[in-house]
């Protein structure tokens, strides 16, 4: 099964989206947006940028865990990953975003 985006409201009325893999696991989480249209633009940016290697910023946290950010061409962060125990699992997360990020399926839970 292919992945999908889920668009939802936060507790303070703002909007966010997550990208889920085909197994339902969250693989990318957006920032909070004040307007629904801005969150939808964020989804479009993931769709456009997720296939490009240079858009991924690989990071290691001070606690030794690994994570990544997906950035747009203007270097703004579009979405961030969870923390991973190993660099290899982080890289598998990036591969999953590359595979699922072009999904046109958006589940609107707002």
N, C-alpha and C. Protein backbone atom coordinates (compact mmCIF):
# COMPACT_ATOMS: atom_id res chain seq x y z
N UNK A 1 0.84 -1.19 0.00
CA UNK A 1 0.00 0.00 0.00
C UNK A 1 0.88 1.25 0.00
N UNK A 2 0.49 2.22 -0.75
CA UNK A 2 1.24 3.47 -0.83
C UNK A 2 0.98 4.33 0.40
N UNK A 3 1.87 5.27 0.64
CA UNK A 3 1.72 6.18 1.76
C UNK A 3 0.70 7.26 1.47
N UNK A 4 0.48 8.13 2.48
CA UNK A 4 -0.48 9.21 2.34
C UNK A 4 -0.16 10.32 3.33
N UNK A 5 -0.77 11.47 3.11
CA UNK A 5 -0.67 12.60 4.01
C UNK A 5 -1.94 12.67 4.84
N UNK A 6 -1.79 13.09 6.10
CA UNK A 6 -2.94 13.37 6.95
C UNK A 6 -2.83 14.81 7.42
N UNK A 7 -3.87 15.57 7.16
CA UNK A 7 -3.95 16.97 7.54
C UNK A 7 -4.88 17.07 8.74
N UNK A 8 -4.42 17.74 9.81
CA UNK A 8 -5.25 17.82 11.01
C UNK A 8 -5.05 19.15 11.73
N UNK A 9 -5.92 19.38 12.73
CA UNK A 9 -5.83 20.57 13.57
C UNK A 9 -5.03 20.24 14.82
N UNK A 10 -4.27 21.21 15.29
CA UNK A 10 -3.62 21.05 16.60
C UNK A 10 -4.59 21.54 17.67
N UNK A 11 -4.24 21.36 18.92
CA UNK A 11 -5.14 21.73 20.01
C UNK A 11 -5.41 23.24 20.06
N UNK A 12 -4.52 24.05 19.50
CA UNK A 12 -4.72 25.50 19.52
C UNK A 12 -5.33 26.04 18.22
N UNK A 13 -5.85 25.14 17.38
CA UNK A 13 -6.55 25.56 16.17
C UNK A 13 -5.67 25.74 14.95
N UNK A 14 -4.37 25.52 15.09
CA UNK A 14 -3.49 25.60 13.94
C UNK A 14 -3.57 24.27 13.16
N UNK A 15 -2.82 24.21 12.07
CA UNK A 15 -2.87 23.05 11.18
C UNK A 15 -1.49 22.42 11.07
N UNK A 16 -1.48 21.10 10.89
CA UNK A 16 -0.23 20.38 10.65
C UNK A 16 -0.55 19.20 9.75
N UNK A 17 0.50 18.64 9.16
CA UNK A 17 0.33 17.42 8.40
C UNK A 17 1.42 16.44 8.78
N UNK A 18 1.10 15.18 8.57
CA UNK A 18 2.10 14.12 8.69
C UNK A 18 2.07 13.33 7.40
N UNK A 19 3.22 12.74 7.07
CA UNK A 19 3.31 11.80 5.97
C UNK A 19 3.42 10.43 6.59
N UNK A 20 2.56 9.53 6.17
CA UNK A 20 2.58 8.17 6.69
C UNK A 20 3.00 7.20 5.60
N UNK A 21 3.77 6.19 6.00
CA UNK A 21 4.16 5.12 5.09
C UNK A 21 2.97 4.20 4.87
N UNK A 22 3.09 3.29 3.94
CA UNK A 22 2.01 2.37 3.63
C UNK A 22 1.55 1.54 4.82
N UNK A 23 2.44 1.34 5.81
CA UNK A 23 2.08 0.57 7.00
C UNK A 23 1.44 1.45 8.08
N UNK A 24 1.23 2.75 7.79
CA UNK A 24 0.58 3.65 8.72
C UNK A 24 1.52 4.35 9.68
N UNK A 25 2.82 4.07 9.61
CA UNK A 25 3.79 4.70 10.49
C UNK A 25 4.09 6.13 10.02
N UNK A 26 4.12 7.07 10.96
CA UNK A 26 4.46 8.46 10.64
C UNK A 26 5.94 8.53 10.30
N UNK A 27 6.25 9.10 9.12
CA UNK A 27 7.65 9.20 8.70
C UNK A 27 8.12 10.65 8.54
N UNK A 28 7.18 11.60 8.57
CA UNK A 28 7.55 13.02 8.47
C UNK A 28 6.43 13.84 9.11
N UNK A 29 6.81 14.84 9.92
CA UNK A 29 5.85 15.71 10.60
C UNK A 29 6.16 17.15 10.26
N UNK A 30 5.12 17.92 9.96
CA UNK A 30 5.31 19.33 9.60
C UNK A 30 5.37 20.21 10.84
N UNK A 31 5.69 21.47 10.60
CA UNK A 31 5.54 22.50 11.62
C UNK A 31 4.06 22.83 11.74
N UNK A 32 3.73 23.75 12.64
CA UNK A 32 2.34 24.23 12.75
C UNK A 32 2.13 25.41 11.81
N UNK A 33 0.97 25.44 11.18
CA UNK A 33 0.60 26.52 10.26
C UNK A 33 -0.65 27.20 10.77
N UNK A 34 -0.72 28.51 10.63
CA UNK A 34 -1.90 29.26 11.07
C UNK A 34 -3.08 29.06 10.12
N UNK A 35 -2.80 28.83 8.84
CA UNK A 35 -3.86 28.68 7.83
C UNK A 35 -3.81 27.30 7.20
N UNK A 36 -4.97 26.74 6.93
CA UNK A 36 -5.06 25.43 6.28
C UNK A 36 -4.38 25.46 4.92
N UNK A 37 -4.56 26.54 4.17
CA UNK A 37 -3.94 26.65 2.84
C UNK A 37 -2.42 26.57 2.93
N UNK A 38 -1.85 27.11 4.00
CA UNK A 38 -0.39 27.04 4.17
C UNK A 38 0.06 25.60 4.42
N UNK A 39 -0.70 24.85 5.20
CA UNK A 39 -0.39 23.44 5.43
C UNK A 39 -0.50 22.66 4.12
N UNK A 40 -1.51 22.98 3.32
CA UNK A 40 -1.67 22.33 2.02
C UNK A 40 -0.49 22.66 1.10
N UNK A 41 0.01 23.88 1.18
CA UNK A 41 1.20 24.26 0.40
C UNK A 41 2.42 23.48 0.89
N UNK A 42 2.49 23.21 2.19
CA UNK A 42 3.57 22.40 2.74
C UNK A 42 3.54 20.99 2.18
N UNK A 43 2.36 20.42 2.07
CA UNK A 43 2.21 19.08 1.47
C UNK A 43 2.71 19.11 0.03
N UNK A 44 2.31 20.13 -0.72
CA UNK A 44 2.76 20.25 -2.11
C UNK A 44 4.28 20.37 -2.18
N UNK A 45 4.87 21.03 -1.21
CA UNK A 45 6.32 21.16 -1.18
C UNK A 45 7.00 19.83 -0.89
N UNK A 46 6.43 19.03 -0.01
CA UNK A 46 6.96 17.67 0.23
C UNK A 46 6.87 16.87 -1.06
N UNK A 47 5.72 16.94 -1.73
CA UNK A 47 5.55 16.19 -2.98
C UNK A 47 6.61 16.60 -4.00
N UNK A 48 6.95 17.88 -4.05
CA UNK A 48 7.91 18.38 -5.04
C UNK A 48 9.36 18.11 -4.66
N UNK A 49 9.67 18.08 -3.37
CA UNK A 49 11.06 18.02 -2.93
C UNK A 49 11.53 16.67 -2.37
N UNK A 50 10.61 15.78 -2.07
CA UNK A 50 10.99 14.54 -1.37
C UNK A 50 11.87 13.61 -2.19
N UNK A 51 11.87 13.74 -3.50
CA UNK A 51 12.67 12.86 -4.33
C UNK A 51 14.10 13.32 -4.55
N UNK A 52 14.47 14.48 -4.00
CA UNK A 52 15.78 15.08 -4.25
C UNK A 52 16.70 14.89 -3.05
N UNK A 53 17.80 14.17 -3.24
CA UNK A 53 18.74 13.86 -2.15
C UNK A 53 19.21 15.11 -1.41
N UNK A 54 19.51 16.17 -2.14
CA UNK A 54 20.08 17.37 -1.54
C UNK A 54 19.12 18.07 -0.59
N UNK A 55 17.86 17.71 -0.60
CA UNK A 55 16.86 18.36 0.26
C UNK A 55 16.84 17.78 1.67
N UNK A 56 17.60 16.71 1.91
CA UNK A 56 17.60 16.06 3.22
C UNK A 56 18.80 16.51 4.04
N UNK A 57 18.51 16.96 5.25
CA UNK A 57 19.55 17.36 6.19
C UNK A 57 19.62 16.27 7.26
N UNK A 58 20.70 15.51 7.26
CA UNK A 58 20.90 14.44 8.23
C UNK A 58 21.52 15.02 9.49
N UNK A 59 20.97 14.65 10.64
CA UNK A 59 21.43 15.23 11.89
C UNK A 59 21.63 14.15 12.96
N UNK A 60 22.48 14.48 13.93
CA UNK A 60 22.65 13.64 15.11
C UNK A 60 22.41 14.53 16.32
N UNK A 61 21.52 14.10 17.20
CA UNK A 61 21.18 14.87 18.39
C UNK A 61 22.25 14.68 19.46
N UNK A 62 22.23 15.55 20.45
CA UNK A 62 23.22 15.48 21.53
C UNK A 62 23.10 14.19 22.33
N UNK A 63 21.94 13.52 22.26
CA UNK A 63 21.77 12.26 22.99
C UNK A 63 22.20 11.05 22.16
N UNK A 64 22.80 11.28 20.99
CA UNK A 64 23.30 10.19 20.16
C UNK A 64 22.28 9.58 19.22
N UNK A 65 21.05 10.12 19.23
CA UNK A 65 20.03 9.62 18.29
C UNK A 65 20.14 10.39 16.98
N UNK A 66 19.54 9.83 15.94
CA UNK A 66 19.66 10.37 14.60
C UNK A 66 18.29 10.81 14.09
N UNK A 67 18.28 11.86 13.27
CA UNK A 67 17.03 12.35 12.68
C UNK A 67 17.36 13.12 11.41
N UNK A 68 16.32 13.59 10.72
CA UNK A 68 16.54 14.37 9.50
C UNK A 68 15.44 15.40 9.32
N UNK A 69 15.77 16.41 8.54
CA UNK A 69 14.81 17.42 8.10
C UNK A 69 14.74 17.36 6.58
N UNK A 70 13.55 17.56 6.06
CA UNK A 70 13.36 17.75 4.62
C UNK A 70 13.21 19.24 4.39
N UNK A 71 14.03 19.79 3.49
CA UNK A 71 14.02 21.22 3.24
C UNK A 71 13.58 21.53 1.82
N UNK A 72 12.99 22.69 1.66
CA UNK A 72 12.61 23.19 0.33
C UNK A 72 13.85 23.79 -0.32
N UNK A 73 13.71 24.18 -1.57
CA UNK A 73 14.82 24.78 -2.31
C UNK A 73 15.33 26.06 -1.65
N UNK A 74 14.45 26.75 -0.90
CA UNK A 74 14.85 27.98 -0.20
C UNK A 74 15.46 27.70 1.17
N UNK A 75 15.71 26.42 1.46
CA UNK A 75 16.33 25.95 2.70
C UNK A 75 15.43 26.01 3.93
N UNK A 76 14.16 26.29 3.75
CA UNK A 76 13.21 26.25 4.85
C UNK A 76 12.83 24.80 5.14
N UNK A 77 12.71 24.45 6.42
CA UNK A 77 12.33 23.08 6.79
C UNK A 77 10.85 22.87 6.47
N UNK A 78 10.57 21.80 5.73
CA UNK A 78 9.19 21.43 5.39
C UNK A 78 8.65 20.44 6.41
N UNK A 79 9.50 19.49 6.81
CA UNK A 79 9.09 18.47 7.75
C UNK A 79 10.29 17.85 8.43
N UNK A 80 10.03 17.22 9.57
CA UNK A 80 11.08 16.60 10.37
C UNK A 80 10.70 15.16 10.71
N UNK A 81 11.72 14.36 10.91
CA UNK A 81 11.51 12.96 11.24
C UNK A 81 11.44 12.75 12.75
N UNK A 82 11.14 11.54 13.11
CA UNK A 82 11.26 11.10 14.49
C UNK A 82 12.74 10.88 14.80
N UNK A 83 13.05 10.51 16.02
CA UNK A 83 14.42 10.14 16.39
C UNK A 83 14.62 8.65 16.11
N UNK A 84 15.79 8.32 15.60
CA UNK A 84 16.14 6.94 15.28
C UNK A 84 17.36 6.53 16.11
N UNK A 85 17.45 5.26 16.43
CA UNK A 85 18.56 4.75 17.24
C UNK A 85 19.87 4.71 16.46
N UNK A 86 19.79 4.48 15.16
CA UNK A 86 21.00 4.35 14.34
C UNK A 86 20.92 5.22 13.10
N UNK A 87 22.09 5.52 12.54
CA UNK A 87 22.14 6.26 11.28
C UNK A 87 21.49 5.46 10.17
N UNK A 88 21.65 4.14 10.22
CA UNK A 88 21.06 3.29 9.18
C UNK A 88 19.53 3.36 9.22
N UNK A 89 18.94 3.36 10.41
CA UNK A 89 17.48 3.45 10.47
C UNK A 89 17.00 4.83 10.04
N UNK A 90 17.78 5.89 10.35
CA UNK A 90 17.44 7.23 9.84
C UNK A 90 17.46 7.24 8.32
N UNK A 91 18.49 6.63 7.74
CA UNK A 91 18.60 6.60 6.27
C UNK A 91 17.45 5.79 5.66
N UNK A 92 16.98 4.76 6.36
CA UNK A 92 15.81 4.02 5.89
C UNK A 92 14.56 4.90 5.95
N UNK A 93 14.48 5.77 6.96
CA UNK A 93 13.37 6.72 7.05
C UNK A 93 13.38 7.69 5.88
N UNK A 94 14.58 8.16 5.51
CA UNK A 94 14.70 9.05 4.34
C UNK A 94 14.23 8.32 3.08
N UNK A 95 14.65 7.07 2.94
CA UNK A 95 14.24 6.28 1.77
C UNK A 95 12.72 6.14 1.73
N UNK A 96 12.10 5.98 2.89
CA UNK A 96 10.64 5.85 2.95
C UNK A 96 9.96 7.16 2.55
N UNK A 97 10.52 8.30 2.98
CA UNK A 97 9.95 9.59 2.57
C UNK A 97 10.10 9.76 1.06
N UNK A 98 11.24 9.35 0.52
CA UNK A 98 11.44 9.43 -0.93
C UNK A 98 10.40 8.60 -1.66
N UNK A 99 10.09 7.42 -1.14
CA UNK A 99 9.13 6.52 -1.76
C UNK A 99 7.70 7.04 -1.64
N UNK A 100 7.35 7.57 -0.47
CA UNK A 100 5.96 7.92 -0.18
C UNK A 100 5.64 9.41 -0.33
N UNK A 101 6.66 10.25 -0.41
CA UNK A 101 6.44 11.70 -0.41
C UNK A 101 5.73 12.24 -1.62
N UNK A 102 5.72 11.51 -2.70
CA UNK A 102 5.03 11.99 -3.91
C UNK A 102 3.56 11.59 -3.93
N UNK A 103 3.09 10.95 -2.87
CA UNK A 103 1.70 10.52 -2.80
C UNK A 103 0.74 11.69 -3.03
N UNK A 104 -0.31 11.45 -3.78
CA UNK A 104 -1.34 12.45 -4.00
C UNK A 104 -2.51 12.27 -3.05
N UNK A 105 -2.45 11.23 -2.21
CA UNK A 105 -3.55 10.95 -1.27
C UNK A 105 -3.41 11.83 -0.03
N UNK A 106 -4.44 12.64 0.23
CA UNK A 106 -4.47 13.51 1.39
C UNK A 106 -5.75 13.21 2.17
N UNK A 107 -5.60 12.77 3.41
CA UNK A 107 -6.75 12.53 4.28
C UNK A 107 -6.93 13.77 5.14
N UNK A 108 -8.00 14.49 4.89
CA UNK A 108 -8.27 15.76 5.58
C UNK A 108 -9.09 15.47 6.83
N UNK A 109 -8.44 15.59 7.99
CA UNK A 109 -9.09 15.35 9.27
C UNK A 109 -9.43 16.65 10.01
N UNK A 110 -9.46 17.77 9.28
CA UNK A 110 -9.73 19.05 9.93
C UNK A 110 -11.21 19.25 10.15
